[in-house]
PDB file of all heavy atoms in Angstrom:
ATOM      1  N   ASP A   1      -1.407  -0.980   9.001  1.00  0.00           N
ATOM      2  CA  ASP A   1      -1.058  -2.389   9.315  1.00  0.00           C
ATOM      3  C   ASP A   1      -0.143  -3.000   8.282  1.00  0.00           C
ATOM      4  O   ASP A   1       0.819  -3.690   8.588  1.00  0.00           O
ATOM      5  CB  ASP A   1      -2.370  -3.269   9.407  1.00  0.00           C
ATOM      6  CG  ASP A   1      -3.169  -2.899  10.630  1.00  0.00           C
ATOM      7  OD1 ASP A   1      -2.689  -2.245  11.587  1.00  0.00           O
ATOM      8  OD2 ASP A   1      -4.303  -3.460  10.730  1.00  0.00           O
ATOM      9  N   LEU A   2      -0.438  -2.790   6.978  1.00  0.00           N
ATOM     10  CA  LEU A   2       0.401  -3.266   5.937  1.00  0.00           C
ATOM     11  C   LEU A   2       1.805  -2.684   5.938  1.00  0.00           C
ATOM     12  O   LEU A   2       2.802  -3.379   5.808  1.00  0.00           O
ATOM     13  CB  LEU A   2      -0.259  -3.075   4.574  1.00  0.00           C
ATOM     14  CG  LEU A   2      -1.478  -3.863   4.253  1.00  0.00           C
ATOM     15  CD1 LEU A   2      -2.038  -3.513   2.897  1.00  0.00           C
ATOM     16  CD2 LEU A   2      -1.090  -5.338   4.194  1.00  0.00           C
ATOM     17  N   HIS A   3       1.862  -1.404   6.236  1.00  0.00           N
ATOM     18  CA  HIS A   3       3.193  -0.723   6.352  1.00  0.00           C
ATOM     19  C   HIS A   3       4.019  -1.369   7.468  1.00  0.00           C
ATOM     20  O   HIS A   3       5.127  -1.709   7.276  1.00  0.00           O
ATOM     21  CB  HIS A   3       2.974   0.745   6.609  1.00  0.00           C
ATOM     22  CG  HIS A   3       4.205   1.439   7.039  1.00  0.00           C
ATOM     23  ND1 HIS A   3       5.210   1.725   6.174  1.00  0.00           N
ATOM     24  CD2 HIS A   3       4.582   1.892   8.274  1.00  0.00           C
ATOM     25  CE1 HIS A   3       6.204   2.344   6.873  1.00  0.00           C
ATOM     26  NE2 HIS A   3       5.801   2.393   8.145  1.00  0.00           N
ATOM     27  N   ARG A   4       3.374  -1.591   8.620  1.00  0.00           N
ATOM     28  CA  ARG A   4       4.015  -2.144   9.694  1.00  0.00           C
ATOM     29  C   ARG A   4       4.434  -3.645   9.527  1.00  0.00           C
ATOM     30  O   ARG A   4       5.545  -4.097   9.767  1.00  0.00           O
ATOM     31  CB  ARG A   4       3.179  -1.996  11.009  1.00  0.00           C
ATOM     32  CG  ARG A   4       3.858  -2.395  12.320  1.00  0.00           C
ATOM     33  CD  ARG A   4       3.016  -2.080  13.502  1.00  0.00           C
ATOM     34  NE  ARG A   4       1.601  -2.538  13.478  1.00  0.00           N
ATOM     35  CZ  ARG A   4       0.622  -1.770  13.251  1.00  0.00           C
ATOM     36  NH1 ARG A   4       0.742  -0.474  13.027  1.00  0.00           N
ATOM     37  NH2 ARG A   4      -0.611  -2.225  13.212  1.00  0.00           N
ATOM     38  N   LEU A   5       3.475  -4.399   9.052  1.00  0.00           N
ATOM     39  CA  LEU A   5       3.696  -5.844   8.783  1.00  0.00           C
ATOM     40  C   LEU A   5       4.777  -6.125   7.763  1.00  0.00           C
ATOM     41  O   LEU A   5       5.678  -6.990   7.945  1.00  0.00           O
ATOM     42  CB  LEU A   5       2.379  -6.499   8.330  1.00  0.00           C
ATOM     43  CG  LEU A   5       2.450  -7.976   7.995  1.00  0.00           C
ATOM     44  CD1 LEU A   5       2.633  -8.824   9.235  1.00  0.00           C
ATOM     45  CD2 LEU A   5       1.293  -8.412   7.174  1.00  0.00           C
ATOM     46  N   LEU A   6       4.759  -5.379   6.647  1.00  0.00           N
ATOM     47  CA  LEU A   6       5.634  -5.646   5.559  1.00  0.00           C
ATOM     48  C   LEU A   6       6.860  -4.701   5.501  1.00  0.00           C
ATOM     49  O   LEU A   6       7.716  -4.889   4.620  1.00  0.00           O
ATOM     50  CB  LEU A   6       4.862  -5.583   4.191  1.00  0.00           C
ATOM     51  CG  LEU A   6       3.682  -6.611   4.177  1.00  0.00           C
ATOM     52  CD1 LEU A   6       2.916  -6.427   2.860  1.00  0.00           C
ATOM     53  CD2 LEU A   6       4.120  -8.069   4.318  1.00  0.00           C
ATOM     54  N   GLU A   7       6.849  -3.719   6.377  1.00  0.00           N
ATOM     55  CA  GLU A   7       7.982  -2.778   6.456  1.00  0.00           C
ATOM     56  C   GLU A   7       8.213  -2.077   5.108  1.00  0.00           C
ATOM     57  O   GLU A   7       9.367  -2.078   4.650  1.00  0.00           O
ATOM     58  CB  GLU A   7       9.207  -3.479   7.035  1.00  0.00           C
ATOM     59  CG  GLU A   7       9.017  -4.053   8.414  1.00  0.00           C
ATOM     60  CD  GLU A   7      10.219  -4.795   8.936  1.00  0.00           C
ATOM     61  OE1 GLU A   7      11.120  -5.081   8.145  1.00  0.00           O
ATOM     62  OE2 GLU A   7      10.195  -5.187  10.103  1.00  0.00           O
ATOM     63  N   THR A   8       7.205  -1.583   4.532  1.00  0.00           N
ATOM     64  CA  THR A   8       7.316  -0.933   3.241  1.00  0.00           C
ATOM     65  C   THR A   8       6.189   0.083   3.100  1.00  0.00           C
ATOM     66  O   THR A   8       5.322   0.215   3.924  1.00  0.00           O
ATOM     67  CB  THR A   8       7.182  -1.946   2.092  1.00  0.00           C
ATOM     68  OG1 THR A   8       7.612  -1.332   0.864  1.00  0.00           O
ATOM     69  CG2 THR A   8       5.822  -2.580   1.977  1.00  0.00           C
ATOM     70  N   ARG A   9       6.301   0.881   2.036  1.00  0.00           N
ATOM     71  CA  ARG A   9       5.254   1.867   1.759  1.00  0.00           C
ATOM     72  C   ARG A   9       3.956   1.176   1.388  1.00  0.00           C
ATOM     73  O   ARG A   9       3.982   0.071   0.778  1.00  0.00           O
ATOM     74  CB  ARG A   9       5.620   2.705   0.516  1.00  0.00           C
ATOM     75  CG  ARG A   9       6.965   3.431   0.736  1.00  0.00           C
ATOM     76  CD  ARG A   9       7.471   3.919  -0.622  1.00  0.00           C
ATOM     77  NE  ARG A   9       8.716   4.533  -0.451  1.00  0.00           N
ATOM     78  CZ  ARG A   9       9.054   5.708  -0.815  1.00  0.00           C
ATOM     79  NH1 ARG A   9       8.203   6.453  -1.465  1.00  0.00           N
ATOM     80  NH2 ARG A   9      10.234   6.224  -0.636  1.00  0.00           N
ATOM     81  N   ALA A  10       2.839   1.693   1.884  1.00  0.00           N
ATOM     82  CA  ALA A  10       1.543   1.125   1.647  1.00  0.00           C
ATOM     83  C   ALA A  10       0.609   2.183   1.207  1.00  0.00           C
ATOM     84  O   ALA A  10       0.659   3.384   1.727  1.00  0.00           O
ATOM     85  CB  ALA A  10       1.035   0.396   2.861  1.00  0.00           C
ATOM     86  N   TYR A  11      -0.309   1.846   0.251  1.00  0.00           N
ATOM     87  CA  TYR A  11      -1.163   2.839  -0.301  1.00  0.00           C
ATOM     88  C   TYR A  11      -2.586   2.222  -0.466  1.00  0.00           C
ATOM     89  O   TYR A  11      -2.796   0.996  -0.428  1.00  0.00           O
ATOM     90  CB  TYR A  11      -0.782   3.263  -1.709  1.00  0.00           C
ATOM     91  CG  TYR A  11       0.702   3.636  -1.849  1.00  0.00           C
ATOM     92  CD1 TYR A  11       1.660   2.719  -2.245  1.00  0.00           C
ATOM     93  CD2 TYR A  11       1.064   4.890  -1.448  1.00  0.00           C
ATOM     94  CE1 TYR A  11       2.986   3.097  -2.366  1.00  0.00           C
ATOM     95  CE2 TYR A  11       2.449   5.267  -1.489  1.00  0.00           C
ATOM     96  CZ  TYR A  11       3.369   4.367  -1.958  1.00  0.00           C
ATOM     97  OH  TYR A  11       4.664   4.715  -2.018  1.00  0.00           O
ATOM     98  N   ALA A  12      -3.621   3.085  -0.529  1.00  0.00           N
ATOM     99  CA  ALA A  12      -5.002   2.595  -0.841  1.00  0.00           C
ATOM    100  C   ALA A  12      -5.672   3.625  -1.660  1.00  0.00           C
ATOM    101  O   ALA A  12      -5.527   4.782  -1.576  1.00  0.00           O
ATOM    102  CB  ALA A  12      -5.753   2.447   0.518  1.00  0.00           C
ATOM    103  N   VAL A  13      -6.468   3.062  -2.642  1.00  0.00           N
ATOM    104  CA  VAL A  13      -7.438   3.821  -3.344  1.00  0.00           C
ATOM    105  C   VAL A  13      -8.785   3.316  -2.928  1.00  0.00           C
ATOM    106  O   VAL A  13      -9.062   2.131  -2.992  1.00  0.00           O
ATOM    107  CB  VAL A  13      -7.192   3.603  -4.891  1.00  0.00           C
ATOM    108  CG1 VAL A  13      -8.253   4.365  -5.669  1.00  0.00           C
ATOM    109  CG2 VAL A  13      -5.795   4.103  -5.293  1.00  0.00           C
ATOM    110  N   GLN A  14      -9.662   4.283  -2.540  1.00  0.00           N
ATOM    111  CA  GLN A  14     -10.961   3.870  -1.990  1.00  0.00           C
ATOM    112  C   GLN A  14     -12.109   4.524  -2.721  1.00  0.00           C
ATOM    113  O   GLN A  14     -12.092   5.673  -3.094  1.00  0.00           O
ATOM    114  CB  GLN A  14     -10.996   4.329  -0.528  1.00  0.00           C
ATOM    115  CG  GLN A  14     -12.331   4.121   0.132  1.00  0.00           C
ATOM    116  CD  GLN A  14     -12.483   4.911   1.427  1.00  0.00           C
ATOM    117  OE1 GLN A  14     -11.478   5.451   1.934  1.00  0.00           O
ATOM    118  NE2 GLN A  14     -13.633   4.985   1.964  1.00  0.00           N
ATOM    119  N   TRP A  15     -13.126   3.738  -2.920  1.00  0.00           N
ATOM    120  CA  TRP A  15     -14.422   4.209  -3.467  1.00  0.00           C
ATOM    121  C   TRP A  15     -15.483   3.648  -2.670  1.00  0.00           C
ATOM    122  O   TRP A  15     -15.701   2.374  -2.551  1.00  0.00           O
ATOM    123  CB  TRP A  15     -14.564   3.796  -4.965  1.00  0.00           C
ATOM    124  CG  TRP A  15     -15.829   4.239  -5.523  1.00  0.00           C
ATOM    125  CD1 TRP A  15     -16.202   5.515  -5.883  1.00  0.00           C
ATOM    126  CD2 TRP A  15     -16.959   3.411  -5.911  1.00  0.00           C
ATOM    127  NE1 TRP A  15     -17.447   5.518  -6.436  1.00  0.00           N
ATOM    128  CE2 TRP A  15     -17.943   4.236  -6.415  1.00  0.00           C
ATOM    129  CE3 TRP A  15     -17.234   2.029  -5.730  1.00  0.00           C
ATOM    130  CZ2 TRP A  15     -19.184   3.725  -6.833  1.00  0.00           C
ATOM    131  CZ3 TRP A  15     -18.407   1.557  -6.177  1.00  0.00           C
ATOM    132  CH2 TRP A  15     -19.365   2.381  -6.705  1.00  0.00           C
ATOM    133  N   ASN A  16     -16.261   4.468  -1.915  1.00  0.00           N
ATOM    134  CA  ASN A  16     -17.309   4.000  -1.036  1.00  0.00           C
ATOM    135  C   ASN A  16     -16.829   2.987  -0.052  1.00  0.00           C
ATOM    136  O   ASN A  16     -15.850   3.222   0.672  1.00  0.00           O
ATOM    137  CB  ASN A  16     -18.542   3.573  -1.780  1.00  0.00           C
ATOM    138  CG  ASN A  16     -19.241   4.760  -2.398  1.00  0.00           C
ATOM    139  OD1 ASN A  16     -19.222   5.873  -1.986  1.00  0.00           O
ATOM    140  ND2 ASN A  16     -19.895   4.454  -3.569  1.00  0.00           N
ATOM    141  N   ASP A  17     -17.414   1.773  -0.102  1.00  0.00           N
ATOM    142  CA  ASP A  17     -17.024   0.705   0.919  1.00  0.00           C
ATOM    143  C   ASP A  17     -16.015  -0.266   0.310  1.00  0.00           C
ATOM    144  O   ASP A  17     -15.821  -1.394   0.854  1.00  0.00           O
ATOM    145  CB  ASP A  17     -18.284   0.028   1.387  1.00  0.00           C
ATOM    146  CG  ASP A  17     -18.970  -0.794   0.312  1.00  0.00           C
ATOM    147  OD1 ASP A  17     -18.758  -0.496  -0.865  1.00  0.00           O
ATOM    148  OD2 ASP A  17     -19.746  -1.745   0.654  1.00  0.00           O
ATOM    149  N   LEU A  18     -15.344   0.087  -0.761  1.00  0.00           N
ATOM    150  CA  LEU A  18     -14.377  -0.782  -1.401  1.00  0.00           C
ATOM    151  C   LEU A  18     -12.978  -0.080  -1.475  1.00  0.00           C
ATOM    152  O   LEU A  18     -12.899   1.115  -1.661  1.00  0.00           O
ATOM    153  CB  LEU A  18     -14.691  -1.180  -2.842  1.00  0.00           C
ATOM    154  CG  LEU A  18     -16.035  -1.874  -2.995  1.00  0.00           C
ATOM    155  CD1 LEU A  18     -16.347  -2.052  -4.463  1.00  0.00           C
ATOM    156  CD2 LEU A  18     -16.026  -3.216  -2.265  1.00  0.00           C
ATOM    157  N   ALA A  19     -11.909  -0.837  -1.284  1.00  0.00           N
ATOM    158  CA  ALA A  19     -10.624  -0.241  -1.376  1.00  0.00           C
ATOM    159  C   ALA A  19      -9.646  -1.266  -2.065  1.00  0.00           C
ATOM    160  O   ALA A  19      -9.880  -2.498  -1.945  1.00  0.00           O
ATOM    161  CB  ALA A  19     -10.069   0.125  -0.065  1.00  0.00           C
ATOM    162  N   PHE A  20      -8.670  -0.766  -2.675  1.00  0.00           N
ATOM    163  CA  PHE A  20      -7.546  -1.600  -3.179  1.00  0.00           C
ATOM    164  C   PHE A  20      -6.370  -1.148  -2.358  1.00  0.00           C
ATOM    165  O   PHE A  20      -5.973   0.069  -2.412  1.00  0.00           O
ATOM    166  CB  PHE A  20      -7.292  -1.404  -4.699  1.00  0.00           C
ATOM    167  CG  PHE A  20      -8.418  -1.993  -5.486  1.00  0.00           C
ATOM    168  CD1 PHE A  20      -9.472  -1.214  -5.979  1.00  0.00           C
ATOM    169  CD2 PHE A  20      -8.364  -3.368  -5.864  1.00  0.00           C
ATOM    170  CE1 PHE A  20     -10.487  -1.785  -6.796  1.00  0.00           C
ATOM    171  CE2 PHE A  20      -9.377  -3.911  -6.565  1.00  0.00           C
ATOM    172  CZ  PHE A  20     -10.426  -3.152  -7.067  1.00  0.00           C
ATOM    173  N   LEU A  21      -5.757  -2.089  -1.665  1.00  0.00           N
ATOM    174  CA  LEU A  21      -4.585  -1.809  -0.854  1.00  0.00           C
ATOM    175  C   LEU A  21      -3.368  -2.283  -1.625  1.00  0.00           C
ATOM    176  O   LEU A  21      -3.337  -3.374  -2.232  1.00  0.00           O
ATOM    177  CB  LEU A  21      -4.685  -2.663   0.455  1.00  0.00           C
ATOM    178  CG  LEU A  21      -5.945  -2.521   1.263  1.00  0.00           C
ATOM    179  CD1 LEU A  21      -6.021  -3.457   2.405  1.00  0.00           C
ATOM    180  CD2 LEU A  21      -6.113  -1.078   1.748  1.00  0.00           C
ATOM    181  N   VAL A  22      -2.366  -1.392  -1.715  1.00  0.00           N
ATOM    182  CA  VAL A  22      -1.184  -1.691  -2.572  1.00  0.00           C
ATOM    183  C   VAL A  22       0.071  -1.521  -1.793  1.00  0.00           C
ATOM    184  O   VAL A  22       0.270  -0.490  -1.103  1.00  0.00           O
ATOM    185  CB  VAL A  22      -1.245  -0.750  -3.779  1.00  0.00           C
ATOM    186  CG1 VAL A  22      -0.086  -0.996  -4.690  1.00  0.00           C
ATOM    187  CG2 VAL A  22      -2.584  -0.772  -4.525  1.00  0.00           C
ATOM    188  N   VAL A  23       1.027  -2.458  -1.971  1.00  0.00           N
ATOM    189  CA  VAL A  23       2.329  -2.388  -1.346  1.00  0.00           C
ATOM    190  C   VAL A  23       3.390  -2.737  -2.415  1.00  0.00           C
ATOM    191  O   VAL A  23       3.161  -3.579  -3.258  1.00  0.00           O
ATOM    192  CB  VAL A  23       2.508  -3.297  -0.091  1.00  0.00           C
ATOM    193  CG1 VAL A  23       1.646  -2.702   1.019  1.00  0.00           C
ATOM    194  CG2 VAL A  23       2.127  -4.711  -0.422  1.00  0.00           C
ATOM    195  N   ALA A  24       4.480  -2.074  -2.309  1.00  0.00           N
ATOM    196  CA  ALA A  24       5.664  -2.329  -3.182  1.00  0.00           C
ATOM    197  C   ALA A  24       6.924  -2.286  -2.308  1.00  0.00           C
ATOM    198  O   ALA A  24       7.048  -1.404  -1.431  1.00  0.00           O
ATOM    199  CB  ALA A  24       5.737  -1.291  -4.297  1.00  0.00           C
ATOM    200  N   ARG A  25       7.784  -3.284  -2.439  1.00  0.00           N
ATOM    201  CA  ARG A  25       9.005  -3.360  -1.636  1.00  0.00           C
ATOM    202  C   ARG A  25      10.019  -2.409  -2.123  1.00  0.00           C
ATOM    203  O   ARG A  25      10.648  -1.686  -1.339  1.00  0.00           O
ATOM    204  CB  ARG A  25       9.515  -4.792  -1.715  1.00  0.00           C
ATOM    205  CG  ARG A  25      10.756  -4.986  -0.812  1.00  0.00           C
ATOM    206  CD  ARG A  25      11.200  -6.431  -0.894  1.00  0.00           C
ATOM    207  NE  ARG A  25      10.183  -7.281  -0.422  1.00  0.00           N
ATOM    208  CZ  ARG A  25      10.072  -8.561  -0.882  1.00  0.00           C
ATOM    209  NH1 ARG A  25      10.785  -9.015  -1.810  1.00  0.00           N
ATOM    210  NH2 ARG A  25       9.060  -9.277  -0.420  1.00  0.00           N
ATOM    211  N   ASP A  26      10.259  -2.274  -3.385  1.00  0.00           N
ATOM    212  CA  ASP A  26      11.282  -1.468  -3.992  1.00  0.00           C
ATOM    213  C   ASP A  26      10.870  -0.005  -3.928  1.00  0.00           C
ATOM    214  O   ASP A  26       9.773   0.312  -4.344  1.00  0.00           O
ATOM    215  CB  ASP A  26      11.571  -1.899  -5.408  1.00  0.00           C
ATOM    216  CG  ASP A  26      12.659  -1.056  -6.092  1.00  0.00           C
ATOM    217  OD1 ASP A  26      13.798  -1.296  -5.727  1.00  0.00           O
ATOM    218  OD2 ASP A  26      12.242  -0.164  -6.866  1.00  0.00           O
ATOM    219  N   GLY A  27      11.810   0.918  -3.497  1.00  0.00           N
ATOM    220  CA  GLY A  27      11.409   2.244  -3.385  1.00  0.00           C
ATOM    221  C   GLY A  27      11.059   2.933  -4.679  1.00  0.00           C
ATOM    222  O   GLY A  27      10.072   3.698  -4.778  1.00  0.00           O
ATOM    223  N   ASP A  28      11.783   2.655  -5.789  1.00  0.00           N
ATOM    224  CA  ASP A  28      11.469   3.183  -7.064  1.00  0.00           C
ATOM    225  C   ASP A  28      10.076   2.669  -7.586  1.00  0.00           C
ATOM    226  O   ASP A  28       9.277   3.482  -8.092  1.00  0.00           O
ATOM    227  CB  ASP A  28      12.554   2.882  -8.120  1.00  0.00           C
ATOM    228  CG  ASP A  28      13.811   3.606  -7.810  1.00  0.00           C
ATOM    229  OD1 ASP A  28      13.783   4.676  -7.111  1.00  0.00           O
ATOM    230  OD2 ASP A  28      14.913   3.151  -8.292  1.00  0.00           O
ATOM    231  N   VAL A  29       9.855   1.427  -7.407  1.00  0.00           N
ATOM    232  CA  VAL A  29       8.556   0.841  -7.821  1.00  0.00           C
ATOM    233  C   VAL A  29       7.434   1.459  -6.997  1.00  0.00           C
ATOM    234  O   VAL A  29       6.392   1.835  -7.502  1.00  0.00           O
ATOM    235  CB  VAL A  29       8.554  -0.653  -7.701  1.00  0.00           C
ATOM    236  CG1 VAL A  29       7.196  -1.242  -7.936  1.00  0.00           C
ATOM    237  CG2 VAL A  29       9.566  -1.255  -8.698  1.00  0.00           C
ATOM    238  N   GLY A  30       7.660   1.633  -5.694  1.00  0.00           N
ATOM    239  CA  GLY A  30       6.759   2.251  -4.834  1.00  0.00           C
ATOM    240  C   GLY A  30       6.414   3.684  -5.234  1.00  0.00           C
ATOM    241  O   GLY A  30       5.230   4.076  -5.238  1.00  0.00           O
ATOM    242  N   CYS A  31       7.412   4.411  -5.558  1.00  0.00           N
ATOM    243  CA  CYS A  31       7.188   5.840  -6.038  1.00  0.00           C
ATOM    244  C   CYS A  31       6.348   5.893  -7.314  1.00  0.00           C
ATOM    245  O   CYS A  31       5.484   6.685  -7.491  1.00  0.00           O
ATOM    246  CB  CYS A  31       8.492   6.575  -6.234  1.00  0.00           C
ATOM    247  SG  CYS A  31       9.313   6.952  -4.671  1.00  0.00           S
TER     248      CYS A  31
END
């Protein structure tokens, strides 16, 4: 959803029932 909404790379780090969703617009920053 984040990838589609913001048109950028989207990532998540998950532990049990918690996650941190991360997006970066710039390709270098995203990498």
